[in-house]
Amino acid sequence: MQSALRYLLVTTVQVAGVVVTFAFLMTLAFEPGEWRKPDWATDLLPLLAMILVINALVQIVRLRRRVRREQGDLHRR
């Protein structure tokens, strides 16, 4: 269980890092002065939250499938 939680946490941090980096680079490229404004980060929060929730749901489904597959392999032996 701890390894699954750690996996979920690591993938969430990775996805968050990629989203923030991508948003920063696109803002820097297309609207150079906007990233200095404090509302840049607050405007990003709803999108980031939605992406992180979707990622968490996808990873939970994948982990459940892996557990079921491993349990099925144990019953076959």
PDB file of N, CA and C in Angstrom:
ATOM      1  N   MET A   1       0.813  -1.191   0.000  1.00  0.00           N
ATOM      2  CA  MET A   1       0.000   0.000   0.000  1.00  0.00           C
ATOM      3  C   MET A   1       0.857   1.256   0.000  1.00  0.00           C
ATOM      4  N   GLN A   2       1.953   1.235   0.756  1.00  0.00           N
ATOM      5  CA  GLN A   2       2.816   2.407   0.801  1.00  0.00           C
ATOM      6  C   GLN A   2       3.467   2.672  -0.548  1.00  0.00           C
ATOM      7  N   SER A   3       3.824   1.615  -1.261  1.00  0.00           N
ATOM      8  CA  SER A   3       4.436   1.815  -2.566  1.00  0.00           C
ATOM      9  C   SER A   3       3.440   2.414  -3.553  1.00  0.00           C
ATOM     10  N   ALA A   4       2.172   2.020  -3.446  1.00  0.00           N
ATOM     11  CA  ALA A   4       1.144   2.589  -4.326  1.00  0.00           C
ATOM     12  C   ALA A   4       0.929   4.058  -4.010  1.00  0.00           C
ATOM     13  N   LEU A   5       0.907   4.402  -2.738  1.00  0.00           N
ATOM     14  CA  LEU A   5       0.742   5.797  -2.341  1.00  0.00           C
ATOM     15  C   LEU A   5       1.944   6.633  -2.781  1.00  0.00           C
ATOM     16  N   ARG A   6       3.122   6.074  -2.620  1.00  0.00           N
ATOM     17  CA  ARG A   6       4.334   6.774  -3.049  1.00  0.00           C
ATOM     18  C   ARG A   6       4.325   6.972  -4.564  1.00  0.00           C
ATOM     19  N   TYR A   7       3.910   5.940  -5.308  1.00  0.00           N
ATOM     20  CA  TYR A   7       3.808   6.040  -6.764  1.00  0.00           C
ATOM     21  C   TYR A   7       2.832   7.136  -7.173  1.00  0.00           C
ATOM     22  N   LEU A   8       1.687   7.179  -6.505  1.00  0.00           N
ATOM     23  CA  LEU A   8       0.682   8.193  -6.791  1.00  0.00           C
ATOM     24  C   LEU A   8       1.206   9.591  -6.488  1.00  0.00           C
ATOM     25  N   LEU A   9       1.920   9.739  -5.397  1.00  0.00           N
ATOM     26  CA  LEU A   9       2.487  11.036  -5.023  1.00  0.00           C
ATOM     27  C   LEU A   9       3.559  11.479  -6.010  1.00  0.00           C
ATOM     28  N   VAL A  10       4.430  10.573  -6.402  1.00  0.00           N
ATOM     29  CA  VAL A  10       5.506  10.914  -7.339  1.00  0.00           C
ATOM     30  C   VAL A  10       4.944  11.303  -8.701  1.00  0.00           C
ATOM     31  N   THR A  11       3.980  10.553  -9.206  1.00  0.00           N
ATOM     32  CA  THR A  11       3.409  10.905 -10.508  1.00  0.00           C
ATOM     33  C   THR A  11       2.658  12.227 -10.441  1.00  0.00           C
ATOM     34  N   THR A  12       2.011  12.511  -9.322  1.00  0.00           N
ATOM     35  CA  THR A  12       1.300  13.777  -9.167  1.00  0.00           C
ATOM     36  C   THR A  12       2.276  14.947  -9.163  1.00  0.00           C
ATOM     37  N   VAL A  13       3.370  14.816  -8.457  1.00  0.00           N
ATOM     38  CA  VAL A  13       4.382  15.879  -8.427  1.00  0.00           C
ATOM     39  C   VAL A  13       5.000  16.067  -9.807  1.00  0.00           C
ATOM     40  N   GLN A  14       5.262  14.975 -10.509  1.00  0.00           N
ATOM     41  CA  GLN A  14       5.823  15.074 -11.851  1.00  0.00           C
ATOM     42  C   GLN A  14       4.875  15.784 -12.803  1.00  0.00           C
ATOM     43  N   VAL A  15       3.613  15.418 -12.776  1.00  0.00           N
ATOM     44  CA  VAL A  15       2.628  16.047 -13.654  1.00  0.00           C
ATOM     45  C   VAL A  15       2.489  17.531 -13.308  1.00  0.00           C
ATOM     46  N   ALA A  16       2.454  17.853 -12.029  1.00  0.00           N
ATOM     47  CA  ALA A  16       2.343  19.253 -11.614  1.00  0.00           C
ATOM     48  C   ALA A  16       3.547  20.050 -12.106  1.00  0.00           C
ATOM     49  N   GLY A  17       4.719  19.492 -11.995  1.00  0.00           N
ATOM     50  CA  GLY A  17       5.927  20.168 -12.475  1.00  0.00           C
ATOM     51  C   GLY A  17       5.888  20.417 -13.973  1.00  0.00           C
ATOM     52  N   VAL A  18       5.442  19.429 -14.717  1.00  0.00           N
ATOM     53  CA  VAL A  18       5.354  19.581 -16.173  1.00  0.00           C
ATOM     54  C   VAL A  18       4.322  20.639 -16.549  1.00  0.00           C
ATOM     55  N   VAL A  19       3.171  20.631 -15.889  1.00  0.00           N
ATOM     56  CA  VAL A  19       2.113  21.594 -16.204  1.00  0.00           C
ATOM     57  C   VAL A  19       2.570  23.016 -15.896  1.00  0.00           C
ATOM     58  N   VAL A  20       3.164  23.215 -14.729  1.00  0.00           N
ATOM     59  CA  VAL A  20       3.623  24.559 -14.355  1.00  0.00           C
ATOM     60  C   VAL A  20       4.740  25.025 -15.283  1.00  0.00           C
ATOM     61  N   THR A  21       5.676  24.143 -15.601  1.00  0.00           N
ATOM     62  CA  THR A  21       6.765  24.506 -16.511  1.00  0.00           C
ATOM     63  C   THR A  21       6.238  24.852 -17.893  1.00  0.00           C
ATOM     64  N   PHE A  22       5.331  24.038 -18.413  1.00  0.00           N
ATOM     65  CA  PHE A  22       4.758  24.295 -19.728  1.00  0.00           C
ATOM     66  C   PHE A  22       3.988  25.611 -19.741  1.00  0.00           C
ATOM     67  N   ALA A  23       3.193  25.852 -18.703  1.00  0.00           N
ATOM     68  CA  ALA A  23       2.430  27.102 -18.631  1.00  0.00           C
ATOM     69  C   ALA A  23       3.368  28.299 -18.550  1.00  0.00           C
ATOM     70  N   PHE A  24       4.428  28.177 -17.777  1.00  0.00           N
ATOM     71  CA  PHE A  24       5.392  29.264 -17.654  1.00  0.00           C
ATOM     72  C   PHE A  24       6.079  29.547 -18.990  1.00  0.00           C
ATOM     73  N   LEU A  25       6.515  28.496 -19.663  1.00  0.00           N
ATOM     74  CA  LEU A  25       7.206  28.682 -20.952  1.00  0.00           C
ATOM     75  C   LEU A  25       6.280  29.267 -22.017  1.00  0.00           C
ATOM     76  N   MET A  26       5.035  28.810 -22.049  1.00  0.00           N
ATOM     77  CA  MET A  26       4.094  29.357 -23.026  1.00  0.00           C
ATOM     78  C   MET A  26       3.748  30.811 -22.709  1.00  0.00           C
ATOM     79  N   THR A  27       3.625  31.129 -21.430  1.00  0.00           N
ATOM     80  CA  THR A  27       3.378  32.518 -21.048  1.00  0.00           C
ATOM     81  C   THR A  27       4.579  33.375 -21.403  1.00  0.00           C
ATOM     82  N   LEU A  28       5.750  32.874 -21.136  1.00  0.00           N
ATOM     83  CA  LEU A  28       6.977  33.603 -21.458  1.00  0.00           C
ATOM     84  C   LEU A  28       7.117  33.819 -22.959  1.00  0.00           C
ATOM     85  N   ALA A  29       6.737  32.831 -23.741  1.00  0.00           N
ATOM     86  CA  ALA A  29       6.877  32.927 -25.194  1.00  0.00           C
ATOM     87  C   ALA A  29       5.827  33.832 -25.827  1.00  0.00           C
ATOM     88  N   PHE A  30       4.582  33.764 -25.368  1.00  0.00           N
ATOM     89  CA  PHE A  30       3.505  34.470 -26.047  1.00  0.00           C
ATOM     90  C   PHE A  30       3.050  35.750 -25.353  1.00  0.00           C
ATOM     91  N   GLU A  31       3.250  35.843 -24.050  1.00  0.00           N
ATOM     92  CA  GLU A  31       2.899  37.057 -23.301  1.00  0.00           C
ATOM     93  C   GLU A  31       4.011  37.318 -22.289  1.00  0.00           C
ATOM     94  N   PRO A  32       5.147  37.840 -22.737  1.00  0.00           N
ATOM     95  CA  PRO A  32       6.353  37.913 -21.904  1.00  0.00           C
ATOM     96  C   PRO A  32       6.199  38.605 -20.549  1.00  0.00           C
ATOM     97  N   GLY A  33       5.395  39.625 -20.426  1.00  0.00           N
ATOM     98  CA  GLY A  33       5.300  40.335 -19.160  1.00  0.00           C
ATOM     99  C   GLY A  33       4.297  39.767 -18.187  1.00  0.00           C
ATOM    100  N   GLU A  34       3.455  38.869 -18.636  1.00  0.00           N
ATOM    101  CA  GLU A  34       2.366  38.357 -17.805  1.00  0.00           C
ATOM    102  C   GLU A  34       2.837  37.506 -16.630  1.00  0.00           C
ATOM    103  N   TRP A  35       3.943  36.789 -16.762  1.00  0.00           N
ATOM    104  CA  TRP A  35       4.364  35.890 -15.695  1.00  0.00           C
ATOM    105  C   TRP A  35       4.810  36.633 -14.453  1.00  0.00           C
ATOM    106  N   ARG A  36       5.115  37.920 -14.580  1.00  0.00           N
ATOM    107  CA  ARG A  36       5.533  38.714 -13.416  1.00  0.00           C
ATOM    108  C   ARG A  36       4.348  39.125 -12.547  1.00  0.00           C
ATOM    109  N   LYS A  37       3.167  39.095 -13.091  1.00  0.00           N
ATOM    110  CA  LYS A  37       1.975  39.493 -12.335  1.00  0.00           C
ATOM    111  C   LYS A  37       1.594  38.389 -11.350  1.00  0.00           C
ATOM    112  N   PRO A  38       1.133  38.781 -10.156  1.00  0.00           N
ATOM    113  CA  PRO A  38       0.822  37.750  -9.145  1.00  0.00           C
ATOM    114  C   PRO A  38      -0.369  36.867  -9.513  1.00  0.00           C
ATOM    115  N   ASP A  39      -1.264  37.332 -10.355  1.00  0.00           N
ATOM    116  CA  ASP A  39      -2.426  36.511 -10.697  1.00  0.00           C
ATOM    117  C   ASP A  39      -2.104  35.439 -11.734  1.00  0.00           C
ATOM    118  N   TRP A  40      -0.874  35.399 -12.224  1.00  0.00           N
ATOM    119  CA  TRP A  40      -0.476  34.356 -13.165  1.00  0.00           C
ATOM    120  C   TRP A  40      -0.639  32.977 -12.517  1.00  0.00           C
ATOM    121  N   ALA A  41      -0.158  32.847 -11.305  1.00  0.00           N
ATOM    122  CA  ALA A  41      -0.230  31.555 -10.613  1.00  0.00           C
ATOM    123  C   ALA A  41      -1.673  31.226 -10.204  1.00  0.00           C
ATOM    124  N   THR A  42      -2.428  32.221  -9.767  1.00  0.00           N
ATOM    125  CA  THR A  42      -3.803  31.943  -9.354  1.00  0.00           C
ATOM    126  C   THR A  42      -4.683  31.582 -10.545  1.00  0.00           C
ATOM    127  N   ASP A  43      -4.380  32.124 -11.704  1.00  0.00           N
ATOM    128  CA  ASP A  43      -5.126  31.742 -12.902  1.00  0.00           C
ATOM    129  C   ASP A  43      -4.823  30.299 -13.304  1.00  0.00           C
ATOM    130  N   LEU A  44      -3.659  29.825 -12.957  1.00  0.00           N
ATOM    131  CA  LEU A  44      -3.236  28.471 -13.310  1.00  0.00           C
ATOM    132  C   LEU A  44      -3.827  27.418 -12.371  1.00  0.00           C
ATOM    133  N   LEU A  45      -4.200  27.791 -11.170  1.00  0.00           N
ATOM    134  CA  LEU A  45      -4.635  26.817 -10.160  1.00  0.00           C
ATOM    135  C   LEU A  45      -5.833  25.955 -10.567  1.00  0.00           C
ATOM    136  N   PRO A  46      -6.912  26.501 -11.148  1.00  0.00           N
ATOM    137  CA  PRO A  46      -8.023  25.608 -11.528  1.00  0.00           C
ATOM    138  C   PRO A  46      -7.622  24.568 -12.574  1.00  0.00           C
ATOM    139  N   LEU A  47      -6.851  24.987 -13.550  1.00  0.00           N
ATOM    140  CA  LEU A  47      -6.384  24.044 -14.576  1.00  0.00           C
ATOM    141  C   LEU A  47      -5.483  22.992 -13.959  1.00  0.00           C
ATOM    142  N   LEU A  48      -4.561  23.424 -13.122  1.00  0.00           N
ATOM    143  CA  LEU A  48      -3.651  22.486 -12.468  1.00  0.00           C
ATOM    144  C   LEU A  48      -4.409  21.501 -11.596  1.00  0.00           C
ATOM    145  N   ALA A  49      -5.373  21.984 -10.845  1.00  0.00           N
ATOM    146  CA  ALA A  49      -6.162  21.093  -9.981  1.00  0.00           C
ATOM    147  C   ALA A  49      -6.918  20.061 -10.805  1.00  0.00           C
ATOM    148  N   MET A  50      -7.516  20.493 -11.907  1.00  0.00           N
ATOM    149  CA  MET A  50      -8.259  19.567 -12.752  1.00  0.00           C
ATOM    150  C   MET A  50      -7.331  18.499 -13.334  1.00  0.00           C
ATOM    151  N   ILE A  51      -6.175  18.895 -13.812  1.00  0.00           N
ATOM    152  CA  ILE A  51      -5.221  17.946 -14.383  1.00  0.00           C
ATOM    153  C   ILE A  51      -4.732  16.969 -13.322  1.00  0.00           C
ATOM    154  N   LEU A  52      -4.483  17.454 -12.113  1.00  0.00           N
ATOM    155  CA  LEU A  52      -4.011  16.570 -11.046  1.00  0.00           C
ATOM    156  C   LEU A  52      -5.081  15.571 -10.609  1.00  0.00           C
ATOM    157  N   VAL A  53      -6.327  15.999 -10.570  1.00  0.00           N
ATOM    158  CA  VAL A  53      -7.413  15.075 -10.218  1.00  0.00           C
ATOM    159  C   VAL A  53      -7.563  13.996 -11.289  1.00  0.00           C
ATOM    160  N   ILE A  54      -7.518  14.403 -12.553  1.00  0.00           N
ATOM    161  CA  ILE A  54      -7.607  13.423 -13.645  1.00  0.00           C
ATOM    162  C   ILE A  54      -6.443  12.446 -13.576  1.00  0.00           C
ATOM    163  N   ASN A  55      -5.245  12.956 -13.337  1.00  0.00           N
ATOM    164  CA  ASN A  55      -4.071  12.098 -13.222  1.00  0.00           C
ATOM    165  C   ASN A  55      -4.223  11.116 -12.067  1.00  0.00           C
ATOM    166  N   ALA A  56      -4.688  11.595 -10.923  1.00  0.00           N
ATOM    167  CA  ALA A  56      -4.854  10.715  -9.770  1.00  0.00           C
ATOM    168  C   ALA A  56      -5.864   9.613 -10.075  1.00  0.00           C
ATOM    169  N   LEU A  57      -6.969   9.955 -10.713  1.00  0.00           N
ATOM    170  CA  LEU A  57      -7.973   8.948 -11.058  1.00  0.00           C
ATOM    171  C   LEU A  57      -7.414   7.907 -12.021  1.00  0.00           C
ATOM    172  N   VAL A  58      -6.690   8.357 -13.031  1.00  0.00           N
ATOM    173  CA  VAL A  58      -6.103   7.429 -14.004  1.00  0.00           C
ATOM    174  C   VAL A  58      -5.096   6.502 -13.322  1.00  0.00           C
ATOM    175  N   GLN A  59      -4.260   7.056 -12.457  1.00  0.00           N
ATOM    176  CA  GLN A  59      -3.251   6.238 -11.786  1.00  0.00           C
ATOM    177  C   GLN A  59      -3.895   5.244 -10.822  1.00  0.00           C
ATOM    178  N   ILE A  60      -4.972   5.641 -10.146  1.00  0.00           N
ATOM    179  CA  ILE A  60      -5.666   4.721  -9.242  1.00  0.00           C
ATOM    180  C   ILE A  60      -6.262   3.558 -10.026  1.00  0.00           C
ATOM    181  N   VAL A  61      -6.864   3.847 -11.176  1.00  0.00           N
ATOM    182  CA  VAL A  61      -7.415   2.781 -12.023  1.00  0.00           C
ATOM    183  C   VAL A  61      -6.309   1.848 -12.481  1.00  0.00           C
ATOM    184  N   ARG A  62      -5.177   2.406 -12.892  1.00  0.00           N
ATOM    185  CA  ARG A  62      -4.053   1.575 -13.341  1.00  0.00           C
ATOM    186  C   ARG A  62      -3.531   0.697 -12.215  1.00  0.00           C
ATOM    187  N   LEU A  63      -3.414   1.264 -11.010  1.00  0.00           N
ATOM    188  CA  LEU A  63      -2.925   0.476  -9.881  1.00  0.00           C
ATOM    189  C   LEU A  63      -3.897  -0.647  -9.519  1.00  0.00           C
ATOM    190  N   ARG A  64      -5.199  -0.374  -9.573  1.00  0.00           N
ATOM    191  CA  ARG A  64      -6.190  -1.422  -9.287  1.00  0.00           C
ATOM    192  C   ARG A  64      -6.104  -2.547 -10.302  1.00  0.00           C
ATOM    193  N   ARG A  65      -5.953  -2.171 -11.567  1.00  0.00           N
ATOM    194  CA  ARG A  65      -5.825  -3.207 -12.605  1.00  0.00           C
ATOM    195  C   ARG A  65      -4.586  -4.053 -12.378  1.00  0.00           C
ATOM    196  N   ARG A  66      -3.490  -3.419 -11.982  1.00  0.00           N
ATOM    197  CA  ARG A  66      -2.250  -4.158 -11.740  1.00  0.00           C
ATOM    198  C   ARG A  66      -2.434  -5.137 -10.582  1.00  0.00           C
ATOM    199  N   VAL A  67      -3.096  -4.691  -9.518  1.00  0.00           N
ATOM    200  CA  VAL A  67      -3.335  -5.561  -8.364  1.00  0.00           C
ATOM    201  C   VAL A  67      -4.217  -6.737  -8.765  1.00  0.00           C
ATOM    202  N   ARG A  68      -5.262  -6.474  -9.523  1.00  0.00           N
ATOM    203  CA  ARG A  68      -6.149  -7.565  -9.973  1.00  0.00           C
ATOM    204  C   ARG A  68      -5.393  -8.564 -10.840  1.00  0.00           C
ATOM    205  N   ARG A  69      -4.542  -8.044 -11.728  1.00  0.00           N
ATOM    206  CA  ARG A  69      -3.768  -8.920 -12.606  1.00  0.00           C
ATOM    207  C   ARG A  69      -2.805  -9.771 -11.786  1.00  0.00           C
ATOM    208  N   GLU A  70      -2.158  -9.166 -10.794  1.00  0.00           N
ATOM    209  CA  GLU A  70      -1.225  -9.921  -9.958  1.00  0.00           C
ATOM    210  C   GLU A  70      -1.955 -10.951  -9.110  1.00  0.00           C
ATOM    211  N   GLN A  71      -3.152 -10.616  -8.623  1.00  0.00           N
ATOM    212  CA  GLN A  71      -3.930 -11.577  -7.852  1.00  0.00           C
ATOM    213  C   GLN A  71      -4.390 -12.728  -8.736  1.00  0.00           C
ATOM    214  N   GLY A  72      -4.725 -12.427  -9.981  1.00  0.00           N
ATOM    215  CA  GLY A  72      -5.123 -13.471 -10.914  1.00  0.00           C
ATOM    216  C   GLY A  72      -3.973 -14.412 -11.216  1.00  0.00           C
ATOM    217  N   ASP A  73      -2.757 -13.869 -11.317  1.00  0.00           N
ATOM    218  CA  ASP A  73      -1.582 -14.699 -11.552  1.00  0.00           C
ATOM    219  C   ASP A  73      -1.301 -15.599 -10.362  1.00  0.00           C
ATOM    220  N   LEU A  74      -1.552 -15.114  -9.150  1.00  0.00           N
ATOM    221  CA  LEU A  74      -1.310 -15.945  -7.967  1.00  0.00           C
ATOM    222  C   LEU A  74      -2.297 -17.094  -7.882  1.00  0.00           C
ATOM    223  N   HIS A  75      -3.530 -16.856  -8.297  1.00  0.00           N
ATOM    224  CA  HIS A  75      -4.543 -17.920  -8.237  1.00  0.00           C
ATOM    225  C   HIS A  75      -4.292 -18.986  -9.294  1.00  0.00           C
ATOM    226  N   ARG A  76      -3.642 -18.634 -10.381  1.00  0.00           N
ATOM    227  CA  ARG A  76      -3.380 -19.587 -11.457  1.00  0.00           C
ATOM    228  C   ARG A  76      -2.235 -20.528 -11.109  1.00  0.00           C
ATOM    229  N   ARG A  77      -1.383 -20.133 -10.194  1.00  0.00           N
ATOM    230  CA  ARG A  77      -0.207 -20.960  -9.880  1.00  0.00           C
ATOM    231  C   ARG A  77      -0.536 -22.114  -9.035  1.00  0.00           C
TER     232      ARG A  77
END
